[in-house]
Amino acid sequence: MEKYIILHGSFSVVDGNWFPWLRKQLESKGKNVIVPQMPIGVGKQNFDNWSAEFDKLNIDENTTIIAHSIGPIFVCKYLITNKIKVKKLIFVCGFNNYLGIDADYDAVNEPMFVDNLEDIKQYCSDIVCFYSDDDPYVAYGAEKAFADTIASQQICLEGAGHINAERGYTEFKEILEVL
């Protein structure tokens, strides 16, 4: 059965940003949507703890994953590590091997990074990356490099910041267009 997973980023929650809106849009079309609350905070957010939550979701070739911020690189590492193929990946403000936001973010983000990012293409051929030209948290170059490495489609939204509620993204209609 077709399944959609919406994954938040570091220090985030399932009812933040555009996640509830997207969930409602998909569920109104009869889609099975899962929005897991992942462990957050220094000492709690790491690859092993997030993997334990994802292990419960029965991810397979009928799964589409939509992930924000640190979520995309976690998803890549998880799928590569576990050799799981999925239908589609939609990544928003994804990055890899980027430090310098602040000490707490660096501590929770670094365990998610991978050296073999391009291997994700073995597990999904339909990868869409959204990013912005003025993200205040992750440098444009880091988001662009991430997308250049893996995306089958890239969409740069001008002036969208971290594509979150802080920049007015409580709805995200562009995602529906690529679904």
Protein backbone atom coordinates (compact mmCIF):
# COMPACT_ATOMS: atom_id res chain seq x y z
CA MET A 1 0.00 0.00 0.00
CA GLU A 2 1.21 3.50 -0.86
CA LYS A 3 2.53 5.39 2.17
CA TYR A 4 3.81 8.93 2.82
CA ILE A 5 6.19 9.85 5.62
CA ILE A 6 6.76 13.49 6.58
CA LEU A 7 9.92 14.01 8.63
CA HIS A 8 10.86 17.12 10.62
CA GLY A 9 14.37 18.42 11.24
CA SER A 10 16.52 19.17 14.28
CA PHE A 11 14.76 20.53 17.35
CA SER A 12 11.45 20.45 15.46
CA VAL A 13 8.03 18.93 16.06
CA VAL A 14 5.39 17.20 13.95
CA ASP A 15 2.90 20.05 14.21
CA GLY A 16 5.35 22.76 13.14
CA ASN A 17 6.01 24.47 9.83
CA TRP A 18 4.02 23.12 6.82
CA PHE A 19 3.83 19.54 8.12
CA PRO A 20 0.20 19.59 9.42
CA TRP A 21 -1.00 21.32 6.25
CA LEU A 22 0.69 18.76 3.99
CA ARG A 23 -0.61 15.88 6.08
CA LYS A 24 -4.15 17.22 5.79
CA GLN A 25 -3.79 17.70 2.01
CA LEU A 26 -2.59 14.13 1.50
CA GLU A 27 -5.10 12.55 3.87
CA SER A 28 -7.94 14.41 2.15
CA LYS A 29 -6.93 12.45 -0.98
CA GLY A 30 -7.14 9.17 0.93
CA LYS A 31 -3.38 8.76 1.37
CA ASN A 32 -1.79 6.91 4.29
CA VAL A 33 0.38 9.54 6.02
CA ILE A 34 2.77 9.05 8.93
CA VAL A 35 4.42 12.00 10.68
CA PRO A 36 6.68 10.54 13.36
CA GLN A 37 7.94 12.64 16.24
CA MET A 38 11.62 11.89 16.37
CA PRO A 39 13.80 12.25 19.48
CA ILE A 40 15.14 15.79 19.59
CA GLY A 41 17.76 17.60 21.62
CA VAL A 42 21.41 17.11 22.43
CA GLY A 43 21.97 13.56 23.66
CA LYS A 44 18.67 12.35 22.16
CA GLN A 45 18.86 13.24 18.47
CA ASN A 46 21.33 10.95 16.75
CA PHE A 47 21.36 8.41 13.94
CA ASP A 48 20.73 5.39 16.17
CA ASN A 49 17.74 6.91 17.99
CA TRP A 50 16.16 8.17 14.79
CA SER A 51 16.80 4.82 13.10
CA ALA A 52 14.98 3.03 15.91
CA GLU A 53 11.91 5.17 15.17
CA PHE A 54 12.17 4.62 11.40
CA ASP A 55 12.52 0.85 11.92
CA LYS A 56 8.90 0.87 13.14
CA LEU A 57 7.53 2.37 9.88
CA ASN A 58 7.83 -0.58 7.44
CA ILE A 59 9.38 1.49 4.66
CA ASP A 60 9.34 -0.10 1.20
CA GLU A 61 9.13 0.59 -2.54
CA ASN A 62 5.64 2.06 -2.11
CA THR A 63 6.86 4.74 0.32
CA THR A 64 7.37 8.42 -0.45
CA ILE A 65 9.40 10.33 2.13
CA ILE A 66 9.22 14.11 2.49
CA ALA A 67 11.91 15.47 4.83
CA HIS A 68 13.05 18.90 6.02
CA SER A 69 16.45 20.27 7.10
CA ILE A 70 18.53 17.49 8.74
CA GLY A 71 15.78 15.02 7.83
CA PRO A 72 16.98 14.51 4.23
CA ILE A 73 20.50 13.40 5.13
CA PHE A 74 19.18 11.15 7.88
CA VAL A 75 16.83 9.54 5.34
CA CYS A 76 19.70 9.04 2.89
CA LYS A 77 21.94 7.46 5.52
CA TYR A 78 19.10 5.28 6.80
CA LEU A 79 18.11 3.97 3.36
CA ILE A 80 21.74 3.39 2.31
CA THR A 81 22.63 1.66 5.60
CA ASN A 82 19.57 -0.59 5.51
CA LYS A 83 19.52 -1.06 1.71
CA ILE A 84 15.86 -0.01 1.42
CA LYS A 85 14.37 1.14 -1.87
CA VAL A 86 11.60 3.76 -1.87
CA LYS A 87 9.28 5.25 -4.46
CA LYS A 88 10.12 8.95 -4.13
CA LEU A 89 12.12 11.33 -1.97
CA ILE A 90 11.27 15.00 -1.54
CA PHE A 91 13.89 16.92 0.38
CA VAL A 92 13.55 20.47 1.68
CA CYS A 93 16.69 22.42 2.68
CA GLY A 94 18.79 19.26 2.80
CA PHE A 95 22.52 19.33 3.47
CA ASN A 96 25.44 17.07 4.31
CA ASN A 97 28.72 17.63 6.15
CA TYR A 98 27.83 21.22 7.03
CA LEU A 99 28.72 22.56 10.46
CA GLY A 100 28.72 26.01 12.00
CA ILE A 101 25.08 26.77 12.76
CA ASP A 102 25.82 26.62 16.51
CA ALA A 103 27.21 24.07 18.99
CA ASP A 104 23.86 22.40 19.74
CA TYR A 105 22.89 22.02 16.08
CA ASP A 106 26.36 20.78 15.19
CA ALA A 107 26.14 18.17 17.99
CA VAL A 108 22.82 16.73 16.77
CA ASN A 109 23.41 17.12 13.03
CA GLU A 110 26.91 15.66 12.69
CA PRO A 111 25.92 12.01 13.48
CA MET A 112 23.56 12.10 10.49
CA PHE A 113 26.19 12.94 7.86
CA VAL A 114 27.43 10.42 5.28
CA ASP A 115 30.47 10.10 3.06
CA ASN A 116 28.70 8.06 0.36
CA LEU A 117 25.73 10.35 -0.34
CA GLU A 118 25.57 9.51 -4.05
CA ASP A 119 24.74 5.89 -3.10
CA ILE A 120 21.17 7.01 -2.37
CA LYS A 121 20.54 6.84 -6.12
CA GLN A 122 20.68 3.02 -5.80
CA TYR A 123 17.61 3.16 -3.55
CA CYS A 124 15.56 5.88 -5.22
CA SER A 125 15.72 7.38 -8.69
CA ASP A 126 13.07 10.07 -8.16
CA ILE A 127 14.60 12.65 -5.81
CA VAL A 128 13.33 16.23 -5.68
CA CYS A 129 15.29 18.84 -3.72
CA PHE A 130 13.82 22.19 -2.68
CA TYR A 131 16.10 24.86 -1.24
CA SER A 132 16.31 28.63 -0.96
CA ASP A 133 18.78 31.29 -2.00
CA ASP A 134 18.76 32.94 1.45
CA ASP A 135 18.54 30.23 4.11
CA PRO A 136 19.70 31.83 7.39
CA TYR A 137 20.76 28.48 8.91
CA VAL A 138 22.34 26.50 6.09
CA ALA A 139 24.51 28.14 3.45
CA TYR A 140 23.11 28.17 -0.08
CA GLY A 141 26.24 26.40 -1.31
CA ALA A 142 25.70 23.49 1.09
CA GLU A 143 22.08 23.01 0.02
CA LYS A 144 22.96 23.37 -3.68
CA ALA A 145 25.84 20.86 -3.38
CA PHE A 146 23.51 18.37 -1.68
CA ALA A 147 20.95 18.73 -4.48
CA ASP A 148 23.61 18.62 -7.21
CA THR A 149 24.85 15.29 -5.84
CA ILE A 150 21.52 13.44 -5.73
CA ALA A 151 18.54 15.28 -7.22
CA SER A 152 16.64 14.26 -10.32
CA GLN A 153 14.86 17.64 -9.97
CA GLN A 154 15.94 20.81 -8.14
CA ILE A 155 13.74 23.76 -7.20
CA CYS A 156 15.28 26.90 -5.72
CA LEU A 157 12.70 29.16 -4.07
CA GLU A 158 13.85 32.76 -3.96
CA GLY A 159 13.65 34.48 -0.58
CA ALA A 160 12.16 31.45 1.17
CA GLY A 161 14.72 31.21 3.99
CA HIS A 162 14.72 27.79 5.64
CA ILE A 163 11.31 27.11 4.04
CA ASN A 164 9.65 27.04 7.45
CA ALA A 165 6.97 28.83 9.44
CA GLU A 166 9.48 31.53 10.36
CA ARG A 167 9.32 32.59 6.68
CA GLY A 168 5.56 32.08 6.37
CA TYR A 169 5.66 28.49 5.17
CA THR A 170 2.70 27.03 7.04
CA GLU A 171 1.54 25.81 3.62
CA PHE A 172 3.83 24.49 0.90
CA LYS A 173 1.87 24.12 -2.33
CA GLU A 174 4.98 23.51 -4.44
CA ILE A 175 5.35 20.08 -2.80
CA LEU A 176 1.92 19.04 -4.04
CA GLU A 177 3.00 19.93 -7.58
CA VAL A 178 5.89 17.43 -7.46
CA LEU A 179 3.83 14.70 -5.83
